Structures are given as structure tokens and as C-alpha cells.
Amino acid sequence: MLNTQQEAIIQKTKEFVQKTLEKAESGHDYWHIQRVLKAATTIAKDEDADIYIVQMGALLHDIADSKFHNGDETVGPKVANDFLKQENVDDKTIDHIVKIIENISFKNTFSGQKFRSKELDIIQDADRLDAIGAIGIARAFIYGGHKNNLMYDPDFVIDENMTKEEYKKGSTATINHFYEKLLKLKDLMNTKTGKELAEDRHDFMLQFLDQFYKEWEV
């Protein structure tokens, strides 16, 4: 259970994140944060975790996504750290939340995740759930359009062995992105609930791809 002070900080954090992401690309906006927050809270019910850390980490996990800051992975942790210090959050909590932000991204699977906690596992699952299924498909094409990537190119070679830097460039066709990331997420879930929720969304993506190829070939 959250105490009164924690509830007040969470409310301030919601207001801060909503204002900060007001003009964000719609796949990474405050609606994304809200969905991740709800999913993380749901997953946490079946896990022995600190719900305060879970909710704060979910709220701040994409406060400054490196994709929109020239690949700079230090911006998000710094923005979160500065905000939390301003709100007089204790150092131990700040350190945990910053480590969550630094380690949550899929791109860390290329170089090895350097930090683990039950709270990170939960938020990571919630974030990955939002990257798959119907919403994940919509977000993939929104971001592909934002980057002016091709929707699909039959001649594009799907790179299953990308480096972290190659992945960060995000220049692949959107359909390729399913194979380079989205279809891998089901097997990367950390929690029992996350794995169960991922199954249906994963199957939906497979159905979508099957229909996409049928329509492409007419």
C-alpha cells in the first residue's frame, strides 16, 4: 500500500510526465505511459515488489527516450534524477528508478543488462506488452512513418544479428522490425503474468503478418 506522501509524489510525477510528453510522437506519448502504468500495476499484484517503485518507474521510464535525443541514453536518467531530487525523493529510491530507466530498453539485450530487480522486471514486461499486439502494431507503423522508413520491401534482408548501434539507427522497414524485435518479446518476458498476457498479443501479430503478406501479393 502507498502512504500519503508517496501518493502525492506519484500525482506530481503524473503531472510532470504529462506536461513533458505533451508534444511527443504518439507511440511514445503520455497515453503510452498510462498503458504501461496500468499493465505494471496489474502484473505487480502477483509479484513481491515495491508498488511505489513500480509505479514511479513506469511513469518515468520514457521521460526522454534516447530515440528522440540523437541516441543519447543519458538524457532520460538525468531528467528523472533532477525531477526526483527536486521533489525530495530519498536517494535510495532515486537510484533504483534511475537504474530502471537505464536498463529497461530492448536494446540492452544486445550488450547485456547491467541491473536487475523485481520492479524492473515488472515494468519491462509492461513496456514490452505495449510494443506487441494491436497497439504494438500501430506503434510500429507510427514510428516507422515518423522516421520515414519503408512500410515493407521484399528485397530488404532481415538482420537477426544486429549490433546495438545498428538497432538504434532504426532505418529498417517496419515489417522487418517485427522480426528484429517484436516477435522476440514474448520469450523475453520476466514474470508469469507478463508471459501469459504476451501470448495472445504475439498470436495477433502473427495473424496480422499472415494477412499482410496475402494482401501484398494480392
C-alpha atoms as a PDB file:
ATOM      1  CA  MET A   1       0.000   0.000   0.000  1.00  0.00           C
ATOM      2  CA  LEU A   2       1.109   3.521  -0.750  1.00  0.00           C
ATOM      3  CA  ASN A   3       1.346   6.086   2.020  1.00  0.00           C
ATOM      4  CA  THR A   4       0.030   9.642   1.689  1.00  0.00           C
ATOM      5  CA  GLN A   5       3.428  11.107   0.805  1.00  0.00           C
ATOM      6  CA  GLN A   6       4.016   8.502  -1.904  1.00  0.00           C
ATOM      7  CA  GLU A   7       0.581   9.106  -3.394  1.00  0.00           C
ATOM      8  CA  ALA A   8       1.350  12.843  -3.527  1.00  0.00           C
ATOM      9  CA  ILE A   9       4.686  12.223  -5.293  1.00  0.00           C
ATOM     10  CA  ILE A  10       3.026   9.905  -7.800  1.00  0.00           C
ATOM     11  CA  GLN A  11       0.430  12.556  -8.597  1.00  0.00           C
ATOM     12  CA  LYS A  12       3.143  15.195  -9.099  1.00  0.00           C
ATOM     13  CA  THR A  13       5.052  12.762 -11.287  1.00  0.00           C
ATOM     14  CA  LYS A  14       1.991  12.136 -13.449  1.00  0.00           C
ATOM     15  CA  GLU A  15       1.593  15.885 -13.960  1.00  0.00           C
ATOM     16  CA  PHE A  16       5.300  16.307 -14.751  1.00  0.00           C
ATOM     17  CA  VAL A  17       5.352  13.435 -17.258  1.00  0.00           C
ATOM     18  CA  GLN A  18       2.138  14.546 -18.965  1.00  0.00           C
ATOM     19  CA  LYS A  19       3.500  18.075 -19.423  1.00  0.00           C
ATOM     20  CA  THR A  20       6.936  16.861 -20.563  1.00  0.00           C
ATOM     21  CA  LEU A  21       5.494  14.474 -23.163  1.00  0.00           C
ATOM     22  CA  GLU A  22       2.770  16.842 -24.349  1.00  0.00           C
ATOM     23  CA  LYS A  23       4.155  17.005 -27.901  1.00  0.00           C
ATOM     24  CA  ALA A  24       5.757  13.554 -28.033  1.00  0.00           C
ATOM     25  CA  GLU A  25       5.415  11.212 -31.010  1.00  0.00           C
ATOM     26  CA  SER A  26       2.164   9.372 -30.351  1.00  0.00           C
ATOM     27  CA  GLY A  27       3.737   5.948 -29.920  1.00  0.00           C
ATOM     28  CA  HIS A  28       5.779   7.263 -27.000  1.00  0.00           C
ATOM     29  CA  ASP A  29       3.416   9.833 -25.503  1.00  0.00           C
ATOM     30  CA  TYR A  30       1.579  10.059 -22.187  1.00  0.00           C
ATOM     31  CA  TRP A  31      -1.010   7.521 -23.361  1.00  0.00           C
ATOM     32  CA  HIS A  32       1.841   5.030 -23.711  1.00  0.00           C
ATOM     33  CA  ILE A  33       2.941   5.863 -20.174  1.00  0.00           C
ATOM     34  CA  GLN A  34      -0.592   5.362 -18.855  1.00  0.00           C
ATOM     35  CA  ARG A  35      -0.887   1.947 -20.513  1.00  0.00           C
ATOM     36  CA  VAL A  36       2.470   0.841 -19.133  1.00  0.00           C
ATOM     37  CA  LEU A  37       1.499   2.104 -15.683  1.00  0.00           C
ATOM     38  CA  LYS A  38      -1.762   0.117 -15.747  1.00  0.00           C
ATOM     39  CA  ALA A  39      -0.070  -3.036 -17.022  1.00  0.00           C
ATOM     40  CA  ALA A  40       2.760  -2.763 -14.480  1.00  0.00           C
ATOM     41  CA  THR A  41       0.278  -2.280 -11.638  1.00  0.00           C
ATOM     42  CA  THR A  42      -1.657  -5.347 -12.805  1.00  0.00           C
ATOM     43  CA  ILE A  43       1.469  -7.514 -13.067  1.00  0.00           C
ATOM     44  CA  ALA A  44       2.725  -6.317  -9.664  1.00  0.00           C
ATOM     45  CA  LYS A  45      -0.354  -7.767  -7.933  1.00  0.00           C
ATOM     46  CA  ASP A  46       1.101 -11.248  -8.402  1.00  0.00           C
ATOM     47  CA  GLU A  47       4.685 -10.293  -7.576  1.00  0.00           C
ATOM     48  CA  ASP A  48       6.542  -9.484  -4.378  1.00  0.00           C
ATOM     49  CA  ALA A  49       7.506  -5.971  -5.383  1.00  0.00           C
ATOM     50  CA  ASP A  50       7.543  -2.386  -4.136  1.00  0.00           C
ATOM     51  CA  ILE A  51       4.456  -0.880  -5.794  1.00  0.00           C
ATOM     52  CA  TYR A  52       5.760   2.653  -5.244  1.00  0.00           C
ATOM     53  CA  ILE A  53       8.936   1.894  -7.214  1.00  0.00           C
ATOM     54  CA  VAL A  54       6.886   0.063  -9.842  1.00  0.00           C
ATOM     55  CA  GLN A  55       4.541   2.997 -10.416  1.00  0.00           C
ATOM     56  CA  MET A  56       7.232   5.666 -10.309  1.00  0.00           C
ATOM     57  CA  GLY A  57       9.485   3.689 -12.631  1.00  0.00           C
ATOM     58  CA  ALA A  58       6.612   3.103 -15.057  1.00  0.00           C
ATOM     59  CA  LEU A  59       5.786   6.796 -15.094  1.00  0.00           C
ATOM     60  CA  LEU A  60       9.373   7.915 -15.739  1.00  0.00           C
ATOM     61  CA  HIS A  61      10.711   5.073 -17.893  1.00  0.00           C
ATOM     62  CA  ASP A  62      10.317   7.019 -21.167  1.00  0.00           C
ATOM     63  CA  ILE A  63      10.659  10.577 -19.889  1.00  0.00           C
ATOM     64  CA  ALA A  64      13.322  11.245 -22.529  1.00  0.00           C
ATOM     65  CA  ASP A  65      13.637   8.265 -24.862  1.00  0.00           C
ATOM     66  CA  SER A  66      17.065   8.222 -26.479  1.00  0.00           C
ATOM     67  CA  LYS A  67      15.450   7.663 -29.920  1.00  0.00           C
ATOM     68  CA  PHE A  68      14.273  11.264 -29.792  1.00  0.00           C
ATOM     69  CA  HIS A  69      17.506  12.674 -28.344  1.00  0.00           C
ATOM     70  CA  ASN A  70      20.031  11.712 -31.015  1.00  0.00           C
ATOM     71  CA  GLY A  71      20.606   8.339 -29.374  1.00  0.00           C
ATOM     72  CA  ASP A  72      21.818   9.901 -26.103  1.00  0.00           C
ATOM     73  CA  GLU A  73      20.928   7.388 -23.381  1.00  0.00           C
ATOM     74  CA  THR A  74      21.938   9.737 -20.552  1.00  0.00           C
ATOM     75  CA  VAL A  75      19.148  12.278 -21.043  1.00  0.00           C
ATOM     76  CA  GLY A  76      16.270  10.238 -19.600  1.00  0.00           C
ATOM     77  CA  PRO A  77      18.075   9.217 -16.389  1.00  0.00           C
ATOM     78  CA  LYS A  78      19.258  12.815 -15.854  1.00  0.00           C
ATOM     79  CA  VAL A  79      15.777  14.326 -16.352  1.00  0.00           C
ATOM     80  CA  ALA A  80      14.286  11.798 -13.938  1.00  0.00           C
ATOM     81  CA  ASN A  81      17.084  12.275 -11.402  1.00  0.00           C
ATOM     82  CA  ASP A  82      16.720  16.059 -11.433  1.00  0.00           C
ATOM     83  CA  PHE A  83      12.933  15.869 -11.044  1.00  0.00           C
ATOM     84  CA  LEU A  84      13.091  13.373  -8.177  1.00  0.00           C
ATOM     85  CA  LYS A  85      15.712  15.391  -6.308  1.00  0.00           C
ATOM     86  CA  GLN A  86      13.552  18.480  -6.721  1.00  0.00           C
ATOM     87  CA  GLU A  87      10.680  16.555  -5.100  1.00  0.00           C
ATOM     88  CA  ASN A  88      12.954  15.481  -2.219  1.00  0.00           C
ATOM     89  CA  VAL A  89      12.680  11.780  -3.004  1.00  0.00           C
ATOM     90  CA  ASP A  90      15.202   9.758  -0.987  1.00  0.00           C
ATOM     91  CA  ASP A  91      18.497   8.802  -2.640  1.00  0.00           C
ATOM     92  CA  LYS A  92      17.888   5.038  -2.496  1.00  0.00           C
ATOM     93  CA  THR A  93      14.595   5.356  -4.368  1.00  0.00           C
ATOM     94  CA  ILE A  94      16.102   7.743  -6.901  1.00  0.00           C
ATOM     95  CA  ASP A  95      18.994   5.348  -7.557  1.00  0.00           C
ATOM     96  CA  HIS A  96      16.602   2.441  -8.139  1.00  0.00           C
ATOM     97  CA  ILE A  97      14.358   4.402 -10.503  1.00  0.00           C
ATOM     98  CA  VAL A  98      17.330   5.747 -12.482  1.00  0.00           C
ATOM     99  CA  LYS A  99      18.718   2.224 -12.854  1.00  0.00           C
ATOM    100  CA  ILE A 100      15.319   1.067 -14.139  1.00  0.00           C
ATOM    101  CA  ILE A 101      15.345   3.795 -16.793  1.00  0.00           C
ATOM    102  CA  GLU A 102      18.929   2.939 -17.784  1.00  0.00           C
ATOM    103  CA  ASN A 103      18.208  -0.774 -18.188  1.00  0.00           C
ATOM    104  CA  ILE A 104      14.604  -1.139 -19.377  1.00  0.00           C
ATOM    105  CA  SER A 105      15.170  -0.848 -23.122  1.00  0.00           C
ATOM    106  CA  PHE A 106      15.190  -3.814 -25.511  1.00  0.00           C
ATOM    107  CA  LYS A 107      18.461  -2.536 -26.956  1.00  0.00           C
ATOM    108  CA  ASN A 108      20.202  -3.638 -23.758  1.00  0.00           C
ATOM    109  CA  THR A 109      19.684  -7.233 -24.861  1.00  0.00           C
ATOM    110  CA  PHE A 110      22.473  -6.585 -27.386  1.00  0.00           C
ATOM    111  CA  SER A 111      25.074  -5.567 -24.799  1.00  0.00           C
ATOM    112  CA  GLY A 112      23.785  -7.251 -21.659  1.00  0.00           C
ATOM    113  CA  GLN A 113      21.511  -5.786 -18.986  1.00  0.00           C
ATOM    114  CA  LYS A 114      23.669  -4.475 -16.149  1.00  0.00           C
ATOM    115  CA  PHE A 115      20.983  -4.243 -13.442  1.00  0.00           C
ATOM    116  CA  ARG A 116      18.072  -6.393 -12.345  1.00  0.00           C
ATOM    117  CA  SER A 117      15.291  -6.022  -9.804  1.00  0.00           C
ATOM    118  CA  LYS A 118      11.773  -7.371  -9.434  1.00  0.00           C
ATOM    119  CA  GLU A 119      10.437  -3.884 -10.073  1.00  0.00           C
ATOM    120  CA  LEU A 120      12.429  -3.548 -13.297  1.00  0.00           C
ATOM    121  CA  ASP A 121      11.217  -6.989 -14.412  1.00  0.00           C
ATOM    122  CA  ILE A 122       7.606  -5.874 -13.947  1.00  0.00           C
ATOM    123  CA  ILE A 123       7.955  -2.520 -15.725  1.00  0.00           C
ATOM    124  CA  GLN A 124       9.982  -4.090 -18.514  1.00  0.00           C
ATOM    125  CA  ASP A 125       7.215  -6.638 -19.102  1.00  0.00           C
ATOM    126  CA  ALA A 126       4.582  -3.884 -19.101  1.00  0.00           C
ATOM    127  CA  ASP A 127       6.596  -1.818 -21.582  1.00  0.00           C
ATOM    128  CA  ARG A 128       7.148  -4.832 -23.837  1.00  0.00           C
ATOM    129  CA  LEU A 129       3.443  -5.715 -23.746  1.00  0.00           C
ATOM    130  CA  ASP A 130       2.713  -2.260 -25.164  1.00  0.00           C
ATOM    131  CA  ALA A 131       5.124  -3.000 -28.021  1.00  0.00           C
ATOM    132  CA  ILE A 132       3.193  -6.067 -29.215  1.00  0.00           C
ATOM    133  CA  GLY A 133      -0.371  -6.935 -30.164  1.00  0.00           C
ATOM    134  CA  ALA A 134      -2.716  -4.466 -31.866  1.00  0.00           C
ATOM    135  CA  ILE A 135      -1.270  -1.431 -30.107  1.00  0.00           C
ATOM    136  CA  GLY A 136       2.261  -2.629 -30.778  1.00  0.00           C
ATOM    137  CA  ILE A 137       1.474  -2.909 -34.494  1.00  0.00           C
ATOM    138  CA  ALA A 138       0.015   0.611 -34.514  1.00  0.00           C
ATOM    139  CA  ARG A 139       3.025   1.997 -32.650  1.00  0.00           C
ATOM    140  CA  ALA A 140       5.461   0.295 -35.034  1.00  0.00           C
ATOM    141  CA  PHE A 141       3.912   1.925 -38.083  1.00  0.00           C
ATOM    142  CA  ILE A 142       3.578   5.302 -36.358  1.00  0.00           C
ATOM    143  CA  TYR A 143       7.287   5.282 -35.529  1.00  0.00           C
ATOM    144  CA  GLY A 144       8.201   3.963 -38.980  1.00  0.00           C
ATOM    145  CA  GLY A 145       6.317   6.878 -40.521  1.00  0.00           C
ATOM    146  CA  HIS A 146       7.974   9.281 -38.114  1.00  0.00           C
ATOM    147  CA  LYS A 147      11.383   8.017 -39.297  1.00  0.00           C
ATOM    148  CA  ASN A 148      10.254   7.930 -42.942  1.00  0.00           C
ATOM    149  CA  ASN A 149      11.048   4.209 -43.076  1.00  0.00           C
ATOM    150  CA  LEU A 150       9.563   1.964 -45.736  1.00  0.00           C
ATOM    151  CA  MET A 151       6.466   0.021 -44.743  1.00  0.00           C
ATOM    152  CA  TYR A 152       7.791  -3.111 -46.424  1.00  0.00           C
ATOM    153  CA  ASP A 153      10.369  -4.027 -49.012  1.00  0.00           C
ATOM    154  CA  PRO A 154      10.514  -7.688 -50.096  1.00  0.00           C
ATOM    155  CA  ASP A 155      14.185  -7.214 -51.006  1.00  0.00           C
ATOM    156  CA  PHE A 156      15.154  -5.985 -47.548  1.00  0.00           C
ATOM    157  CA  VAL A 157      17.221  -8.556 -45.678  1.00  0.00           C
ATOM    158  CA  ILE A 158      16.083  -9.140 -42.111  1.00  0.00           C
ATOM    159  CA  ASP A 159      19.121  -8.762 -39.871  1.00  0.00           C
ATOM    160  CA  GLU A 160      18.899 -11.183 -36.950  1.00  0.00           C
ATOM    161  CA  ASN A 161      22.388 -10.284 -35.747  1.00  0.00           C
ATOM    162  CA  MET A 162      22.313  -6.514 -35.483  1.00  0.00           C
ATOM    163  CA  THR A 163      24.628  -4.678 -33.135  1.00  0.00           C
ATOM    164  CA  LYS A 164      23.207  -2.260 -30.593  1.00  0.00           C
ATOM    165  CA  GLU A 165      24.292   0.717 -32.703  1.00  0.00           C
ATOM    166  CA  GLU A 166      22.694  -0.722 -35.857  1.00  0.00           C
ATOM    167  CA  TYR A 167      19.449  -1.281 -33.970  1.00  0.00           C
ATOM    168  CA  LYS A 168      19.457   2.271 -32.586  1.00  0.00           C
ATOM    169  CA  LYS A 169      19.629   3.732 -36.108  1.00  0.00           C
ATOM    170  CA  GLY A 170      16.140   2.344 -36.744  1.00  0.00           C
ATOM    171  CA  SER A 171      16.419   2.521 -40.538  1.00  0.00           C
ATOM    172  CA  THR A 172      14.828  -0.852 -41.269  1.00  0.00           C
ATOM    173  CA  ALA A 173      11.468  -1.355 -42.975  1.00  0.00           C
ATOM    174  CA  THR A 174       8.650  -1.537 -40.425  1.00  0.00           C
ATOM    175  CA  ILE A 175       7.731  -5.134 -41.266  1.00  0.00           C
ATOM    176  CA  ASN A 176      11.373  -6.107 -40.649  1.00  0.00           C
ATOM    177  CA  HIS A 177      11.044  -4.619 -37.174  1.00  0.00           C
ATOM    178  CA  PHE A 178       8.599  -7.399 -36.289  1.00  0.00           C
ATOM    179  CA  TYR A 179      11.348  -9.977 -36.797  1.00  0.00           C
ATOM    180  CA  GLU A 180      14.169  -7.902 -35.361  1.00  0.00           C
ATOM    181  CA  LYS A 181      12.299  -7.086 -32.142  1.00  0.00           C
ATOM    182  CA  LEU A 182       8.534  -7.501 -31.723  1.00  0.00           C
ATOM    183  CA  LEU A 183       8.257 -11.249 -32.300  1.00  0.00           C
ATOM    184  CA  LYS A 184      11.114 -11.827 -29.852  1.00  0.00           C
ATOM    185  CA  LEU A 185       9.445 -10.106 -26.922  1.00  0.00           C
ATOM    186  CA  LYS A 186       7.118 -12.946 -25.903  1.00  0.00           C
ATOM    187  CA  ASP A 187      10.094 -15.107 -24.978  1.00  0.00           C
ATOM    188  CA  LEU A 188      11.804 -12.264 -23.122  1.00  0.00           C
ATOM    189  CA  MET A 189       9.024 -11.719 -20.579  1.00  0.00           C
ATOM    190  CA  ASN A 190      10.188 -11.898 -16.969  1.00  0.00           C
ATOM    191  CA  THR A 191       7.022 -12.585 -14.979  1.00  0.00           C
ATOM    192  CA  LYS A 192       4.323 -15.262 -15.091  1.00  0.00           C
ATOM    193  CA  THR A 193       1.593 -12.685 -15.725  1.00  0.00           C
ATOM    194  CA  GLY A 194       3.673 -10.949 -18.382  1.00  0.00           C
ATOM    195  CA  LYS A 195       4.213 -14.231 -20.208  1.00  0.00           C
ATOM    196  CA  GLU A 196       0.502 -15.057 -20.092  1.00  0.00           C
ATOM    197  CA  LEU A 197      -0.546 -11.634 -21.390  1.00  0.00           C
ATOM    198  CA  ALA A 198       2.072 -11.750 -24.156  1.00  0.00           C
ATOM    199  CA  GLU A 199       0.750 -14.979 -25.698  1.00  0.00           C
ATOM    200  CA  ASP A 200      -2.445 -13.504 -27.133  1.00  0.00           C
ATOM    201  CA  ARG A 201      -0.732 -10.365 -28.403  1.00  0.00           C
ATOM    202  CA  HIS A 202       2.028 -12.398 -30.028  1.00  0.00           C
ATOM    203  CA  ASP A 203      -0.518 -14.594 -31.823  1.00  0.00           C
ATOM    204  CA  PHE A 204      -2.333 -11.492 -33.076  1.00  0.00           C
ATOM    205  CA  MET A 205       0.875 -10.194 -34.642  1.00  0.00           C
ATOM    206  CA  LEU A 206       1.380 -13.499 -36.450  1.00  0.00           C
ATOM    207  CA  GLN A 207      -2.183 -13.282 -37.804  1.00  0.00           C
ATOM    208  CA  PHE A 208      -1.545  -9.709 -38.919  1.00  0.00           C
ATOM    209  CA  LEU A 209       1.647 -10.653 -40.760  1.00  0.00           C
ATOM    210  CA  ASP A 210      -0.088 -13.549 -42.479  1.00  0.00           C
ATOM    211  CA  GLN A 211      -2.852 -11.238 -43.691  1.00  0.00           C
ATOM    212  CA  PHE A 212      -0.336  -8.523 -44.657  1.00  0.00           C
ATOM    213  CA  TYR A 213       1.594 -10.896 -46.946  1.00  0.00           C
ATOM    214  CA  LYS A 214      -1.615 -12.182 -48.521  1.00  0.00           C
ATOM    215  CA  GLU A 215      -2.723  -8.648 -49.364  1.00  0.00           C
ATOM    216  CA  TRP A 216       0.762  -7.639 -50.549  1.00  0.00           C
ATOM    217  CA  GLU A 217       0.814 -10.472 -53.052  1.00  0.00           C
ATOM    218  CA  VAL A 218      -2.876  -9.873 -53.991  1.00  0.00           C
END
